[in-house]
């Protein structure tokens, strides 16, 4: 009997975990990333604000005395691509489209974001297991949610499932009543 329960729990986890990870992401972090991306736009979707560069390259912008013409092509490309990644990767996760790739991209994004926060903006990383909620704790939780999606996929309620027929191992929809 316990073996049967354990098997059912494992099967449920294969589709429930990624579905809940996407739902919790949509409810907690989607607007965080989109609000951040919106602060980087100025006027049109293809025009970045001074704030975009200041957020991503704080030391370089300060060294250039806030004169964006002093920044190079690499700065512009990274700022543009980073801003659009902040819109598109979260959207892909919520929709469940290319979810594994989008979640992997978000892990990289969060790693770079954390590096810039600590080295460029002077944020305290904090420590784990110290009873204080810090940047390290917050970003570890985010990364865990993304890692669930990388490993498990989007779950059954996703565009991945519709487009590619992808479904988690153990997920067997019932076509008739039990």
Protein backbone atom coordinates (compact mmCIF):
# COMPACT_ATOMS: atom_id res chain seq x y z
CA UNK A 1 0.00 0.00 0.00
CA UNK A 2 2.77 2.46 0.91
CA UNK A 3 4.59 1.63 -2.30
CA UNK A 4 1.49 2.51 -4.31
CA UNK A 5 1.15 5.84 -2.50
CA UNK A 6 4.82 6.60 -3.06
CA UNK A 7 4.51 5.82 -6.77
CA UNK A 8 1.43 8.05 -7.08
CA UNK A 9 3.17 10.90 -5.24
CA UNK A 10 6.19 10.60 -7.52
CA UNK A 11 3.98 10.68 -10.61
CA UNK A 12 2.03 13.65 -9.29
CA UNK A 13 5.28 15.46 -8.56
CA UNK A 14 6.36 15.06 -12.17
CA UNK A 15 3.51 17.27 -13.39
CA UNK A 16 2.51 19.17 -10.24
CA UNK A 17 5.96 20.61 -9.37
CA UNK A 18 6.60 22.33 -12.72
CA UNK A 19 3.02 23.55 -12.94
CA UNK A 20 3.21 25.06 -9.45
CA UNK A 21 6.70 26.48 -10.09
CA UNK A 22 5.35 28.36 -13.12
CA UNK A 23 2.25 29.53 -11.24
CA UNK A 24 4.25 30.76 -8.25
CA UNK A 25 6.72 32.49 -10.60
CA UNK A 26 3.81 34.22 -12.37
CA UNK A 27 2.37 35.37 -9.05
CA UNK A 28 5.60 36.53 -7.43
CA UNK A 29 8.37 37.33 -9.90
CA UNK A 30 6.86 38.02 -13.33
CA UNK A 31 5.96 41.62 -12.45
CA UNK A 32 9.25 42.10 -10.61
CA UNK A 33 11.21 41.37 -13.78
CA UNK A 34 8.83 43.25 -16.08
CA UNK A 35 8.82 46.34 -13.83
CA UNK A 36 12.60 46.27 -13.84
CA UNK A 37 12.69 45.95 -17.64
CA UNK A 38 10.20 48.81 -18.05
CA UNK A 39 12.53 51.14 -16.11
CA UNK A 40 15.14 50.49 -18.78
CA UNK A 41 13.00 51.66 -21.72
CA UNK A 42 12.62 55.25 -22.82
CA UNK A 43 9.96 56.21 -25.31
CA UNK A 44 10.01 53.21 -27.65
CA UNK A 45 10.69 49.53 -27.08
CA UNK A 46 14.04 49.97 -28.85
CA UNK A 47 15.26 53.03 -26.99
CA UNK A 48 17.04 52.40 -23.70
CA UNK A 49 17.15 54.91 -20.88
CA UNK A 50 20.20 56.11 -19.00
CA UNK A 51 18.86 54.00 -16.15
CA UNK A 52 19.25 50.85 -18.23
CA UNK A 53 22.96 51.40 -18.55
CA UNK A 54 23.30 52.63 -14.96
CA UNK A 55 21.59 49.49 -13.64
CA UNK A 56 23.62 47.07 -15.75
CA UNK A 57 26.98 48.89 -15.90
CA UNK A 58 26.98 51.21 -12.88
CA UNK A 59 30.74 51.72 -12.70
CA UNK A 60 31.21 52.21 -16.45
CA UNK A 61 28.39 54.77 -16.59
CA UNK A 62 29.82 56.64 -13.62
CA UNK A 63 33.31 56.57 -15.15
CA UNK A 64 31.85 58.03 -18.36
CA UNK A 65 30.25 60.84 -16.31
CA UNK A 66 26.82 59.55 -17.38
CA UNK A 67 27.59 60.35 -21.04
CA UNK A 68 26.23 57.32 -22.90
CA UNK A 69 28.14 58.23 -26.05
CA UNK A 70 31.27 57.14 -24.15
CA UNK A 71 30.01 53.56 -23.91
CA UNK A 72 30.87 51.02 -26.58
CA UNK A 73 28.91 48.66 -28.79
CA UNK A 74 29.29 45.82 -26.28
CA UNK A 75 27.64 47.94 -23.56
CA UNK A 76 24.77 48.77 -25.88
CA UNK A 77 24.29 45.18 -27.03
CA UNK A 78 24.37 43.76 -23.50
CA UNK A 79 21.95 46.40 -22.21
CA UNK A 80 19.53 45.87 -25.10
CA UNK A 81 19.64 42.07 -24.97
CA UNK A 82 19.48 42.03 -21.16
CA UNK A 83 16.45 44.30 -21.16
CA UNK A 84 14.61 42.17 -23.68
CA UNK A 85 15.62 38.97 -21.89
CA UNK A 86 13.94 40.44 -18.80
CA UNK A 87 10.69 40.66 -20.77
CA UNK A 88 10.83 37.55 -22.93
CA UNK A 89 12.27 34.86 -20.64
CA UNK A 90 9.66 35.39 -17.89
CA UNK A 91 6.89 35.46 -20.52
CA UNK A 92 8.13 32.17 -21.97
CA UNK A 93 8.10 30.60 -18.50
CA UNK A 94 4.56 31.74 -17.72
CA UNK A 95 3.29 30.50 -21.08
CA UNK A 96 5.28 27.30 -20.79
CA UNK A 97 7.01 27.89 -24.13
CA UNK A 98 10.57 26.57 -24.52
CA UNK A 99 10.42 26.40 -20.75
CA UNK A 100 13.62 24.50 -20.06
CA UNK A 101 15.63 26.90 -22.18
CA UNK A 102 13.89 29.97 -20.70
CA UNK A 103 14.46 28.73 -17.13
CA UNK A 104 18.12 28.05 -17.90
CA UNK A 105 18.36 31.57 -19.31
CA UNK A 106 16.79 32.94 -16.13
CA UNK A 107 19.34 31.10 -13.99
CA UNK A 108 22.08 32.84 -15.97
CA UNK A 109 20.21 36.14 -15.76
CA UNK A 110 19.86 35.89 -11.97
CA UNK A 111 23.56 34.98 -11.62
CA UNK A 112 24.59 38.06 -13.64
CA UNK A 113 22.02 40.23 -11.82
CA UNK A 114 23.38 39.11 -8.46
CA UNK A 115 26.98 39.71 -9.55
CA UNK A 116 26.11 43.25 -10.70
CA UNK A 117 24.11 43.94 -7.52
CA UNK A 118 27.06 42.95 -5.34
CA UNK A 119 30.01 44.29 -7.36
CA UNK A 120 28.40 47.27 -9.05
CA UNK A 121 25.77 48.46 -6.60
CA UNK A 122 27.39 47.40 -3.34
CA UNK A 123 24.56 45.11 -2.22
CA UNK A 124 25.34 42.72 0.60
CA UNK A 125 25.14 39.10 -0.49
CA UNK A 126 24.46 37.92 3.03
CA UNK A 127 24.96 34.39 4.25
CA UNK A 128 22.91 31.24 4.35
CA UNK A 129 21.77 29.75 7.65
CA UNK A 130 22.09 33.03 9.55
CA UNK A 131 18.38 33.71 10.32
CA UNK A 132 18.47 36.93 8.29
CA UNK A 133 16.85 37.00 4.88
CA UNK A 134 19.45 38.27 2.45
CA UNK A 135 20.20 38.43 -1.22
CA UNK A 136 21.80 34.97 -1.24
CA UNK A 137 18.66 33.43 0.30
CA UNK A 138 16.31 35.19 -2.11
CA UNK A 139 18.26 34.34 -5.24
CA UNK A 140 18.72 30.72 -4.10
CA UNK A 141 14.93 30.30 -3.93
CA UNK A 142 14.52 31.85 -7.37
CA UNK A 143 17.17 29.55 -8.80
CA UNK A 144 15.54 26.51 -7.21
CA UNK A 145 12.24 27.30 -8.95
CA UNK A 146 14.04 27.72 -12.27
CA UNK A 147 15.97 24.50 -11.71
CA UNK A 148 12.70 22.60 -11.22
CA UNK A 149 11.62 23.86 -14.65
CA UNK A 150 14.96 22.98 -16.27
CA UNK A 151 14.78 19.43 -14.90
CA UNK A 152 11.04 18.74 -15.13
CA UNK A 153 9.90 20.92 -18.03
CA UNK A 154 6.78 23.06 -18.09
CA UNK A 155 4.19 20.52 -17.01
CA UNK A 156 0.99 19.52 -18.78
CA UNK A 157 -0.63 22.99 -18.89
CA UNK A 158 1.83 24.60 -21.27
CA UNK A 159 2.47 25.65 -24.83
CA UNK A 160 5.36 23.16 -24.86
CA UNK A 161 2.81 20.40 -24.40
CA UNK A 162 0.57 21.79 -27.14
CA UNK A 163 3.36 22.50 -29.61
CA UNK A 164 5.67 19.57 -29.01
CA UNK A 165 3.53 16.99 -27.22
CA UNK A 166 5.98 17.11 -24.35
CA UNK A 167 4.64 15.71 -21.15
CA UNK A 168 6.29 14.78 -17.91
CA UNK A 169 7.17 11.19 -17.17
CA UNK A 170 4.35 9.45 -15.38
CA UNK A 171 1.67 11.89 -16.54
CA UNK A 172 -1.20 9.89 -17.95
CA UNK A 173 -4.37 11.87 -18.52
CA UNK A 174 -7.56 9.92 -18.03
CA UNK A 175 -9.86 9.85 -21.00
CA UNK A 176 -12.71 8.22 -19.15
CA UNK A 177 -14.09 8.22 -15.63
CA UNK A 178 -12.44 5.72 -13.24
